[in-house]
Amino acid sequence: MFEDETGFTLHPRLGMGWAKRGRRFRIPTTSQHRTRLNIFGWVAPLLGKTGLIRHPQGNREGFLLCLRQLYRRLRGYKIWLYVDRARWHKGEDIDIFLENHRRLSIEYLPPYQPGLNVQERIWRRWRKPGSLPLKRLIPRLRPKSSFYVTLLSTFVLDLKNVTLL
């Protein structure tokens, strides 16, 4: 099972346009400057289960909330969670959590290998040009939404073609 976090700025990227000479090109937006959407997500491809948590910041506190949700949702399973080597995935708070929750163990992916993390592939799909705008995506962040399940199923099919060394 895999976990990762991502953040989206709620200020849209403005493209280029034409304006009369001497005039400035203006695009009206409903952007929220300095506002960010931080999401922690986990995926268990072989079980077909997922989870998402919104948190004000991408930090250790948010990661611990994600671990609590993961632990609760996967009762009865031994959990091997693969994460990247971000500093908030390590530390005394994480060690204490793992000591108190014996069914969960964390393994760290090799450095600079985001392609090994299935959750990274989901984030990449969300950021792809032409994907849903964030205003439409935010209400769909429920893990059981058809949007998320469709994304997950494509990645599970990809995993079936992977040969592990």
Protein backbone atom coordinates (compact mmCIF):
# COMPACT_ATOMS: atom_id res chain seq x y z
CA MET A 1 0.00 0.00 0.00
CA PHE A 2 1.21 3.50 -0.81
CA GLU A 3 0.81 7.00 0.68
CA ASP A 4 1.71 10.42 -0.60
CA GLU A 5 0.66 14.01 -0.21
CA THR A 6 0.19 16.83 -2.67
CA GLY A 7 -0.84 20.43 -2.71
CA PHE A 8 -2.74 22.55 -5.17
CA THR A 9 -2.70 26.31 -5.31
CA LEU A 10 -6.17 27.74 -5.72
CA HIS A 11 -4.85 30.61 -7.83
CA PRO A 12 -5.26 29.61 -11.48
CA ARG A 13 -2.44 29.90 -13.95
CA LEU A 14 -3.30 32.57 -16.41
CA GLY A 15 -2.36 32.14 -20.03
CA MET A 16 -1.55 34.73 -22.64
CA GLY A 17 -3.94 36.80 -24.66
CA TRP A 18 -4.22 39.74 -26.99
CA ALA A 19 -4.81 43.34 -25.96
CA LYS A 20 -4.77 46.63 -27.79
CA ARG A 21 -1.41 48.35 -27.90
CA GLY A 22 -0.84 50.34 -24.73
CA ARG A 23 -3.51 48.34 -22.86
CA ARG A 24 -2.94 45.61 -20.34
CA PHE A 25 -4.62 42.26 -20.89
CA ARG A 26 -6.88 41.41 -17.94
CA ILE A 27 -8.57 38.14 -17.12
CA PRO A 28 -11.26 38.21 -14.42
CA THR A 29 -10.86 35.29 -12.00
CA THR A 30 -12.37 34.09 -8.76
CA SER A 31 -8.98 32.97 -7.49
CA GLN A 32 -8.05 32.65 -3.86
CA HIS A 33 -4.55 34.08 -3.54
CA ARG A 34 -2.31 32.41 -0.97
CA THR A 35 -4.85 29.62 -0.44
CA ARG A 36 -3.67 26.07 -0.88
CA LEU A 37 -5.42 22.72 -0.87
CA ASN A 38 -3.25 20.05 0.80
CA ILE A 39 -4.30 16.44 0.44
CA PHE A 40 -2.90 13.24 1.95
CA GLY A 41 -3.88 10.14 0.03
CA TRP A 42 -3.30 6.41 0.31
CA VAL A 43 -4.12 3.55 -1.97
CA ALA A 44 -4.17 -0.23 -1.46
CA PRO A 45 -4.25 -1.45 -5.08
CA LEU A 46 -4.63 -5.14 -4.29
CA LEU A 47 -7.56 -4.51 -1.93
CA GLY A 48 -9.15 -1.77 -4.07
CA LYS A 49 -9.29 0.60 -1.09
CA THR A 50 -8.34 4.27 -0.95
CA GLY A 51 -8.40 7.19 1.42
CA LEU A 52 -8.02 10.95 1.28
CA ILE A 53 -7.60 13.57 3.98
CA ARG A 54 -7.57 17.33 3.57
CA HIS A 55 -5.27 19.14 5.98
CA PRO A 56 -4.23 22.80 6.28
CA GLN A 57 -0.56 21.89 5.81
CA GLY A 58 1.49 19.04 4.38
CA ASN A 59 3.30 18.14 7.60
CA ARG A 60 3.79 15.41 10.21
CA GLU A 61 0.45 16.18 11.89
CA GLY A 62 -1.39 15.60 8.61
CA PHE A 63 0.60 12.41 7.99
CA LEU A 64 -0.39 11.09 11.43
CA LEU A 65 -4.06 11.81 10.66
CA CYS A 66 -3.65 9.87 7.44
CA LEU A 67 -2.07 6.95 9.32
CA ARG A 68 -4.95 6.92 11.81
CA GLN A 69 -7.50 6.81 9.00
CA LEU A 70 -5.57 4.07 7.21
CA TYR A 71 -5.30 1.99 10.39
CA ARG A 72 -9.03 2.35 11.11
CA ARG A 73 -10.16 1.58 7.56
CA LEU A 74 -8.01 -1.57 7.23
CA ARG A 75 -8.94 -3.42 10.40
CA GLY A 76 -7.90 -7.05 10.26
CA TYR A 77 -5.04 -6.51 7.82
CA LYS A 78 -1.30 -6.32 8.38
CA ILE A 79 -0.33 -3.05 6.70
CA TRP A 80 2.97 -2.45 4.90
CA LEU A 81 2.94 1.18 3.88
CA TYR A 82 5.42 2.49 1.32
CA VAL A 83 6.20 6.20 1.49
CA ASP A 84 8.85 8.54 0.13
CA ARG A 85 11.61 9.89 2.34
CA ALA A 86 10.00 13.23 3.23
CA ARG A 87 11.07 14.43 6.67
CA TRP A 88 7.50 14.35 8.03
CA HIS A 89 7.35 10.60 7.36
CA LYS A 90 10.03 10.11 10.02
CA GLY A 91 10.56 11.25 13.58
CA GLU A 92 9.73 10.52 17.16
CA ASP A 93 5.96 11.02 16.73
CA ILE A 94 5.90 8.49 13.90
CA ASP A 95 7.97 5.98 15.90
CA ILE A 96 5.58 6.27 18.86
CA PHE A 97 2.59 5.77 16.57
CA LEU A 98 4.15 2.64 15.05
CA GLU A 99 4.95 1.21 18.51
CA ASN A 100 1.30 1.60 19.52
CA HIS A 101 -0.09 0.28 16.24
CA ARG A 102 1.68 -3.01 15.61
CA ARG A 103 -0.26 -3.97 12.47
CA LEU A 104 1.33 -1.05 10.62
CA SER A 105 4.89 -0.86 9.39
CA ILE A 106 6.43 1.78 7.16
CA GLU A 107 8.92 1.10 4.41
CA TYR A 108 10.75 3.89 2.61
CA LEU A 109 10.99 3.96 -1.16
CA PRO A 110 14.39 4.62 -2.75
CA PRO A 111 15.23 8.31 -3.12
CA TYR A 112 14.06 10.12 -6.27
CA GLN A 113 11.79 7.27 -7.41
CA PRO A 114 8.24 8.72 -7.53
CA GLY A 115 7.34 6.24 -10.27
CA LEU A 116 7.30 3.44 -7.66
CA ASN A 117 4.51 5.11 -5.69
CA VAL A 118 1.05 4.41 -7.12
CA GLN A 119 -0.43 7.41 -5.28
CA GLU A 120 2.02 9.69 -7.17
CA ARG A 121 0.52 8.42 -10.41
CA ILE A 122 -2.95 9.44 -9.22
CA TRP A 123 -1.72 12.93 -8.34
CA ARG A 124 -0.07 13.21 -11.75
CA ARG A 125 -3.36 12.34 -13.42
CA TRP A 126 -5.15 15.03 -11.41
CA ARG A 127 -2.60 17.66 -12.45
CA LYS A 128 -2.70 16.70 -16.12
CA PRO A 129 -3.90 19.50 -18.40
CA GLY A 130 -7.50 18.89 -19.38
CA SER A 131 -8.36 17.09 -16.14
CA LEU A 132 -11.18 18.40 -14.00
CA PRO A 133 -10.79 21.95 -12.67
CA LEU A 134 -10.17 22.01 -8.92
CA LYS A 135 -13.56 23.59 -8.23
CA ARG A 136 -15.19 20.47 -9.67
CA LEU A 137 -12.57 18.11 -8.26
CA ILE A 138 -12.78 19.17 -4.60
CA PRO A 139 -16.35 17.88 -4.06
CA ARG A 140 -15.28 14.57 -5.62
CA LEU A 141 -12.51 13.93 -3.10
CA ARG A 142 -14.55 11.30 -1.36
CA PRO A 143 -12.61 8.04 -1.79
CA LYS A 144 -15.65 6.10 -3.03
CA SER A 145 -16.44 8.57 -5.79
CA SER A 146 -16.60 7.09 -9.27
CA PHE A 147 -13.86 9.49 -10.41
CA TYR A 148 -11.36 8.14 -7.88
CA VAL A 149 -12.38 4.50 -8.38
CA THR A 150 -11.93 4.85 -12.16
CA LEU A 151 -8.44 6.27 -11.68
CA LEU A 152 -7.56 3.52 -9.23
CA SER A 153 -8.77 0.73 -11.49
CA THR A 154 -6.54 1.91 -14.36
CA PHE A 155 -3.51 1.82 -12.07
CA VAL A 156 -4.36 -1.63 -10.72
CA LEU A 157 -4.44 -2.89 -14.31
CA ASP A 158 -1.03 -1.27 -14.89
CA LEU A 159 0.34 -3.00 -11.77
CA LYS A 160 -0.67 -6.43 -13.07
CA ASN A 161 1.80 -5.95 -15.92
CA VAL A 162 4.72 -5.03 -13.63
CA THR A 163 7.39 -7.61 -12.87
CA LEU A 164 8.92 -7.26 -9.40
CA LEU A 165 12.61 -8.03 -9.03
